């Protein structure tokens, strides 16, 4: 088992790692829209926040030696399902391989409106 850490994604806000590699799978913890340079949650549109989340996910995947094309499963959390279409428009630009996905409404940490966790295969 290997623990993945990159300074290009936010530090975990609790007792967990950014990702774990085990038996060829990469299990990435959920990422929210925190800018890793400022450690502040992105404010603005749902699109802006979603883009930051995706940048954070990409940084963790890159640190694990893979990319979006290796993602086999995503779990997406939205604070408000009314943001689904705007979120989906950004999401679709990056997850072009159409991995399996769940999307649910949830109360998120730090007042975030979007969180994405992924499982990828190395």
N, C-alpha and C. Protein backbone atom coordinates (compact mmCIF):
# COMPACT_ATOMS: atom_id res chain seq x y z
N UNK A 1 0.85 -1.17 0.00
CA UNK A 1 0.00 0.00 0.00
C UNK A 1 0.89 1.24 0.00
N UNK A 2 0.53 2.22 -0.82
CA UNK A 2 1.27 3.48 -0.90
C UNK A 2 0.34 4.65 -0.63
N UNK A 3 0.84 5.61 0.13
CA UNK A 3 0.09 6.83 0.39
C UNK A 3 0.55 7.89 -0.60
N UNK A 4 -0.40 8.58 -1.20
CA UNK A 4 -0.10 9.63 -2.17
C UNK A 4 -0.29 10.99 -1.50
N UNK A 5 0.67 11.86 -1.73
CA UNK A 5 0.56 13.24 -1.26
C UNK A 5 1.19 14.16 -2.30
N UNK A 6 0.51 15.28 -2.58
CA UNK A 6 1.07 16.32 -3.43
C UNK A 6 0.73 17.68 -2.85
N UNK A 7 1.68 18.57 -2.94
CA UNK A 7 1.43 19.95 -2.50
C UNK A 7 0.56 20.71 -3.50
N UNK A 8 0.33 20.11 -4.68
CA UNK A 8 -0.48 20.74 -5.72
C UNK A 8 -1.99 20.57 -5.48
N UNK A 9 -2.33 19.86 -4.43
CA UNK A 9 -3.73 19.72 -4.00
C UNK A 9 -3.79 20.14 -2.53
N UNK A 10 -4.96 20.52 -2.05
CA UNK A 10 -5.06 20.96 -0.65
C UNK A 10 -4.64 19.88 0.34
N UNK A 11 -4.08 20.32 1.45
CA UNK A 11 -3.80 19.40 2.54
C UNK A 11 -5.11 18.83 3.06
N UNK A 12 -5.13 17.57 3.45
CA UNK A 12 -6.35 17.02 4.03
C UNK A 12 -6.78 17.85 5.25
N UNK A 13 -8.09 18.00 5.41
CA UNK A 13 -8.62 18.78 6.54
C UNK A 13 -8.97 17.88 7.73
N UNK A 14 -8.52 16.64 7.68
CA UNK A 14 -8.78 15.69 8.75
C UNK A 14 -7.76 14.57 8.70
N UNK A 15 -8.00 13.50 9.48
CA UNK A 15 -7.05 12.38 9.55
C UNK A 15 -7.23 11.39 8.39
N UNK A 16 -6.84 11.81 7.20
CA UNK A 16 -6.92 10.95 6.02
C UNK A 16 -5.86 11.39 5.02
N UNK A 17 -5.63 10.58 4.01
CA UNK A 17 -4.64 10.90 2.98
C UNK A 17 -5.35 11.40 1.73
N UNK A 18 -4.60 12.02 0.84
CA UNK A 18 -5.17 12.47 -0.44
C UNK A 18 -5.56 11.26 -1.29
N UNK A 19 -4.75 10.20 -1.21
CA UNK A 19 -5.06 8.98 -1.95
C UNK A 19 -4.22 7.82 -1.42
N UNK A 20 -4.70 6.63 -1.71
CA UNK A 20 -4.00 5.39 -1.37
C UNK A 20 -3.95 4.53 -2.63
N UNK A 21 -2.81 3.92 -2.90
CA UNK A 21 -2.71 2.94 -3.98
C UNK A 21 -2.63 1.56 -3.35
N UNK A 22 -3.50 0.68 -3.80
CA UNK A 22 -3.52 -0.70 -3.30
C UNK A 22 -3.95 -1.62 -4.43
N UNK A 23 -3.16 -2.64 -4.71
CA UNK A 23 -3.47 -3.65 -5.73
C UNK A 23 -3.83 -3.02 -7.08
N UNK A 24 -3.11 -1.98 -7.47
CA UNK A 24 -3.32 -1.37 -8.77
C UNK A 24 -4.45 -0.35 -8.83
N UNK A 25 -5.18 -0.19 -7.74
CA UNK A 25 -6.24 0.81 -7.69
C UNK A 25 -5.79 2.02 -6.90
N UNK A 26 -6.25 3.19 -7.32
CA UNK A 26 -5.99 4.43 -6.62
C UNK A 26 -7.31 4.91 -6.06
N UNK A 27 -7.39 4.99 -4.75
CA UNK A 27 -8.58 5.45 -4.05
C UNK A 27 -8.32 6.87 -3.58
N UNK A 28 -8.94 7.83 -4.26
CA UNK A 28 -8.71 9.25 -3.96
C UNK A 28 -9.79 9.77 -3.01
N UNK A 29 -9.35 10.41 -1.96
CA UNK A 29 -10.29 11.07 -1.06
C UNK A 29 -11.01 12.18 -1.80
N UNK A 30 -12.19 12.53 -1.32
CA UNK A 30 -12.95 13.61 -1.94
C UNK A 30 -12.18 14.92 -1.90
N UNK A 31 -12.27 15.65 -2.98
CA UNK A 31 -11.65 16.97 -3.08
C UNK A 31 -12.75 18.02 -3.15
N UNK A 32 -12.54 19.10 -2.42
CA UNK A 32 -13.43 20.25 -2.50
C UNK A 32 -12.65 21.40 -3.16
N UNK A 33 -13.30 22.52 -3.35
CA UNK A 33 -12.72 23.62 -4.12
C UNK A 33 -11.77 24.52 -3.36
N UNK A 34 -10.88 23.94 -2.59
CA UNK A 34 -9.86 24.73 -1.89
C UNK A 34 -8.69 24.96 -2.82
N UNK A 35 -8.26 26.21 -2.93
CA UNK A 35 -7.07 26.55 -3.69
C UNK A 35 -5.87 26.14 -2.84
N UNK A 36 -5.01 25.23 -3.32
CA UNK A 36 -3.89 24.76 -2.50
C UNK A 36 -2.85 25.84 -2.22
N UNK A 37 -2.81 26.90 -3.02
CA UNK A 37 -1.84 27.98 -2.78
C UNK A 37 -2.27 28.89 -1.64
N UNK A 38 -3.59 29.11 -1.51
CA UNK A 38 -4.09 30.03 -0.47
C UNK A 38 -4.74 29.30 0.69
N UNK A 39 -5.05 28.01 0.50
CA UNK A 39 -5.77 27.20 1.48
C UNK A 39 -7.17 27.76 1.77
N UNK A 40 -7.73 28.49 0.81
CA UNK A 40 -9.06 29.07 0.93
C UNK A 40 -10.00 28.43 -0.08
N UNK A 41 -11.26 28.31 0.31
CA UNK A 41 -12.28 27.80 -0.59
C UNK A 41 -12.55 28.83 -1.68
N UNK A 42 -12.60 28.38 -2.92
CA UNK A 42 -12.91 29.25 -4.05
C UNK A 42 -14.32 29.81 -3.88
N UNK A 43 -14.46 31.10 -4.11
CA UNK A 43 -15.79 31.70 -4.09
C UNK A 43 -16.12 32.11 -5.51
N UNK A 44 -17.37 32.29 -5.77
CA UNK A 44 -17.81 32.64 -7.11
C UNK A 44 -18.87 31.67 -7.56
N UNK A 45 -18.86 31.36 -8.83
CA UNK A 45 -19.90 30.50 -9.40
C UNK A 45 -19.66 29.03 -9.08
N UNK A 46 -20.70 28.25 -9.25
CA UNK A 46 -20.58 26.80 -9.09
C UNK A 46 -19.59 26.25 -10.12
N UNK A 47 -19.54 26.87 -11.29
CA UNK A 47 -18.58 26.45 -12.31
C UNK A 47 -17.15 26.68 -11.84
N UNK A 48 -16.88 27.83 -11.23
CA UNK A 48 -15.54 28.13 -10.72
C UNK A 48 -15.13 27.12 -9.65
N UNK A 49 -16.06 26.83 -8.75
CA UNK A 49 -15.75 25.89 -7.67
C UNK A 49 -15.53 24.49 -8.23
N UNK A 50 -16.36 24.08 -9.18
CA UNK A 50 -16.21 22.76 -9.79
C UNK A 50 -14.87 22.65 -10.50
N UNK A 51 -14.47 23.68 -11.20
CA UNK A 51 -13.18 23.67 -11.89
C UNK A 51 -12.03 23.51 -10.91
N UNK A 52 -12.09 24.18 -9.76
CA UNK A 52 -11.03 24.02 -8.76
C UNK A 52 -11.01 22.61 -8.20
N UNK A 53 -12.19 22.04 -7.96
CA UNK A 53 -12.26 20.65 -7.49
C UNK A 53 -11.58 19.73 -8.50
N UNK A 54 -11.88 19.92 -9.77
CA UNK A 54 -11.30 19.07 -10.81
C UNK A 54 -9.79 19.27 -10.90
N UNK A 55 -9.31 20.49 -10.74
CA UNK A 55 -7.86 20.73 -10.70
C UNK A 55 -7.22 19.97 -9.54
N UNK A 56 -7.89 19.96 -8.40
CA UNK A 56 -7.37 19.25 -7.23
C UNK A 56 -7.35 17.74 -7.47
N UNK A 57 -8.43 17.21 -8.04
CA UNK A 57 -8.48 15.78 -8.36
C UNK A 57 -7.36 15.45 -9.34
N UNK A 58 -7.17 16.27 -10.35
CA UNK A 58 -6.13 16.04 -11.34
C UNK A 58 -4.75 16.01 -10.70
N UNK A 59 -4.50 16.91 -9.76
CA UNK A 59 -3.20 16.95 -9.08
C UNK A 59 -2.93 15.66 -8.32
N UNK A 60 -3.94 15.13 -7.66
CA UNK A 60 -3.77 13.88 -6.91
C UNK A 60 -3.56 12.72 -7.89
N UNK A 61 -4.35 12.67 -8.95
CA UNK A 61 -4.17 11.61 -9.95
C UNK A 61 -2.77 11.67 -10.56
N UNK A 62 -2.32 12.86 -10.89
CA UNK A 62 -0.99 13.04 -11.47
C UNK A 62 0.09 12.55 -10.51
N UNK A 63 -0.06 12.87 -9.23
CA UNK A 63 0.90 12.41 -8.22
C UNK A 63 0.93 10.88 -8.12
N UNK A 64 -0.19 10.26 -8.45
CA UNK A 64 -0.28 8.79 -8.44
C UNK A 64 0.19 8.18 -9.76
N UNK A 65 0.50 9.05 -10.74
CA UNK A 65 1.01 8.56 -12.01
C UNK A 65 -0.06 8.21 -13.04
N UNK A 66 -1.27 8.74 -12.86
CA UNK A 66 -2.35 8.47 -13.81
C UNK A 66 -3.07 9.76 -14.17
N UNK A 67 -4.09 9.65 -15.01
CA UNK A 67 -4.87 10.80 -15.41
C UNK A 67 -6.35 10.46 -15.40
N UNK A 68 -7.16 11.39 -15.89
CA UNK A 68 -8.61 11.20 -15.89
C UNK A 68 -9.03 9.95 -16.67
N UNK A 69 -8.25 9.58 -17.68
CA UNK A 69 -8.60 8.41 -18.49
C UNK A 69 -8.52 7.11 -17.69
N UNK A 70 -7.84 7.13 -16.54
CA UNK A 70 -7.72 5.95 -15.68
C UNK A 70 -8.83 5.85 -14.65
N UNK A 71 -9.67 6.86 -14.56
CA UNK A 71 -10.75 6.86 -13.55
C UNK A 71 -11.84 5.89 -13.98
N UNK A 72 -12.21 5.01 -13.04
CA UNK A 72 -13.27 4.03 -13.32
C UNK A 72 -14.56 4.34 -12.56
N UNK A 73 -14.47 5.16 -11.50
CA UNK A 73 -15.66 5.47 -10.70
C UNK A 73 -15.49 6.84 -10.06
N UNK A 74 -16.54 7.64 -10.11
CA UNK A 74 -16.56 8.90 -9.37
C UNK A 74 -17.78 8.92 -8.46
N UNK A 75 -17.62 9.59 -7.36
CA UNK A 75 -18.75 9.90 -6.50
C UNK A 75 -18.74 11.41 -6.34
N UNK A 76 -19.85 12.02 -6.73
CA UNK A 76 -19.96 13.47 -6.74
C UNK A 76 -21.00 13.90 -5.71
N UNK A 77 -20.65 14.92 -4.97
CA UNK A 77 -21.53 15.45 -3.94
C UNK A 77 -21.82 16.91 -4.27
N UNK A 78 -23.07 17.27 -4.25
CA UNK A 78 -23.48 18.65 -4.47
C UNK A 78 -24.28 19.13 -3.28
N UNK A 79 -23.99 20.33 -2.85
CA UNK A 79 -24.74 20.94 -1.76
C UNK A 79 -26.18 21.21 -2.18
N UNK A 80 -26.39 21.47 -3.46
CA UNK A 80 -27.71 21.82 -3.99
C UNK A 80 -27.88 21.19 -5.36
N UNK A 81 -28.82 20.29 -5.51
CA UNK A 81 -29.04 19.62 -6.79
C UNK A 81 -29.49 20.58 -7.89
N UNK A 82 -29.89 21.77 -7.53
CA UNK A 82 -30.20 22.77 -8.56
C UNK A 82 -28.96 23.18 -9.34
N UNK A 83 -27.77 22.87 -8.81
CA UNK A 83 -26.51 23.15 -9.49
C UNK A 83 -26.06 22.02 -10.41
N UNK A 84 -26.87 20.96 -10.50
CA UNK A 84 -26.46 19.75 -11.23
C UNK A 84 -26.04 20.04 -12.67
N UNK A 85 -26.83 20.76 -13.43
CA UNK A 85 -26.51 20.99 -14.84
C UNK A 85 -25.23 21.80 -15.01
N UNK A 86 -25.09 22.86 -14.23
CA UNK A 86 -23.87 23.68 -14.32
C UNK A 86 -22.64 22.85 -13.92
N UNK A 87 -22.77 22.06 -12.87
CA UNK A 87 -21.69 21.16 -12.44
C UNK A 87 -21.36 20.17 -13.56
N UNK A 88 -22.40 19.56 -14.12
CA UNK A 88 -22.23 18.53 -15.13
C UNK A 88 -21.54 19.06 -16.39
N UNK A 89 -21.82 20.32 -16.74
CA UNK A 89 -21.19 20.92 -17.92
C UNK A 89 -19.68 20.98 -17.77
N UNK A 90 -19.19 21.28 -16.58
CA UNK A 90 -17.74 21.33 -16.32
C UNK A 90 -17.20 19.90 -16.21
N UNK A 91 -17.85 19.08 -15.44
CA UNK A 91 -17.43 17.68 -15.22
C UNK A 91 -17.22 16.96 -16.55
N UNK A 92 -18.16 17.11 -17.48
CA UNK A 92 -18.13 16.40 -18.75
C UNK A 92 -16.91 16.75 -19.61
N UNK A 93 -16.33 17.92 -19.40
CA UNK A 93 -15.16 18.33 -20.17
C UNK A 93 -13.90 17.56 -19.78
N UNK A 94 -13.88 16.99 -18.58
CA UNK A 94 -12.69 16.33 -18.07
C UNK A 94 -12.83 14.82 -17.98
N UNK A 95 -14.01 14.34 -17.60
CA UNK A 95 -14.23 12.90 -17.47
C UNK A 95 -14.85 12.37 -18.76
N UNK A 96 -14.09 12.51 -19.84
CA UNK A 96 -14.59 12.17 -21.17
C UNK A 96 -14.71 10.66 -21.40
N UNK A 97 -14.05 9.86 -20.56
CA UNK A 97 -14.16 8.41 -20.69
C UNK A 97 -15.44 7.88 -20.05
N UNK A 98 -16.24 8.78 -19.48
CA UNK A 98 -17.53 8.42 -18.87
C UNK A 98 -17.44 7.28 -17.85
N UNK A 99 -16.64 7.49 -16.77
CA UNK A 99 -16.57 6.45 -15.74
C UNK A 99 -17.93 6.29 -15.06
N UNK A 100 -18.12 5.19 -14.38
CA UNK A 100 -19.37 5.05 -13.62
C UNK A 100 -19.41 6.15 -12.57
N UNK A 101 -20.62 6.55 -12.17
CA UNK A 101 -20.73 7.72 -11.30
C UNK A 101 -21.97 7.66 -10.44
N UNK A 102 -21.83 8.18 -9.25
CA UNK A 102 -22.96 8.48 -8.37
C UNK A 102 -22.91 9.97 -8.11
N UNK A 103 -24.07 10.58 -7.96
CA UNK A 103 -24.13 12.01 -7.63
C UNK A 103 -25.26 12.20 -6.63
N UNK A 104 -24.90 12.73 -5.47
CA UNK A 104 -25.89 12.90 -4.41
C UNK A 104 -25.80 14.30 -3.81
N UNK A 105 -26.87 14.70 -3.18
CA UNK A 105 -26.88 15.97 -2.46
C UNK A 105 -26.42 15.71 -1.04
N UNK A 106 -25.54 16.57 -0.53
CA UNK A 106 -24.97 16.38 0.80
C UNK A 106 -24.50 17.70 1.38
N UNK A 107 -24.47 17.77 2.69
CA UNK A 107 -23.86 18.91 3.39
C UNK A 107 -22.36 18.66 3.38
N UNK A 108 -21.58 19.61 2.86
CA UNK A 108 -20.15 19.41 2.64
C UNK A 108 -19.30 20.22 3.61
N UNK A 109 -18.05 19.78 3.84
CA UNK A 109 -17.18 20.50 4.76
C UNK A 109 -16.82 21.89 4.27
N UNK A 110 -16.57 22.77 5.21
CA UNK A 110 -16.10 24.14 4.96
C UNK A 110 -17.04 24.98 4.09
N UNK A 111 -18.32 24.56 4.00
CA UNK A 111 -19.28 25.31 3.19
C UNK A 111 -19.13 25.08 1.69
N UNK A 112 -18.40 24.04 1.31
CA UNK A 112 -18.21 23.73 -0.11
C UNK A 112 -19.55 23.38 -0.76
N UNK A 113 -19.62 23.63 -2.06
CA UNK A 113 -20.83 23.28 -2.81
C UNK A 113 -20.63 22.04 -3.66
N UNK A 114 -19.37 21.63 -3.84
CA UNK A 114 -19.03 20.49 -4.70
C UNK A 114 -17.92 19.68 -4.05
N UNK A 115 -18.02 18.36 -4.14
CA UNK A 115 -16.93 17.47 -3.76
C UNK A 115 -16.95 16.29 -4.74
N UNK A 116 -15.76 15.88 -5.15
CA UNK A 116 -15.63 14.71 -6.03
C UNK A 116 -14.57 13.80 -5.46
N UNK A 117 -14.92 12.51 -5.36
CA UNK A 117 -13.93 11.49 -5.04
C UNK A 117 -13.87 10.52 -6.21
N UNK A 118 -12.69 9.93 -6.42
CA UNK A 118 -12.55 9.03 -7.57
C UNK A 118 -11.80 7.77 -7.17
N UNK A 119 -12.05 6.74 -7.97
CA UNK A 119 -11.27 5.50 -7.94
C UNK A 119 -10.71 5.35 -9.34
N UNK A 120 -9.40 5.13 -9.42
CA UNK A 120 -8.74 4.97 -10.71
C UNK A 120 -7.95 3.66 -10.71
N UNK A 121 -7.60 3.20 -11.88
CA UNK A 121 -6.82 1.98 -12.03
C UNK A 121 -5.48 2.32 -12.68
N UNK A 122 -4.42 1.80 -12.09
CA UNK A 122 -3.06 2.10 -12.59
C UNK A 122 -2.63 1.04 -13.57
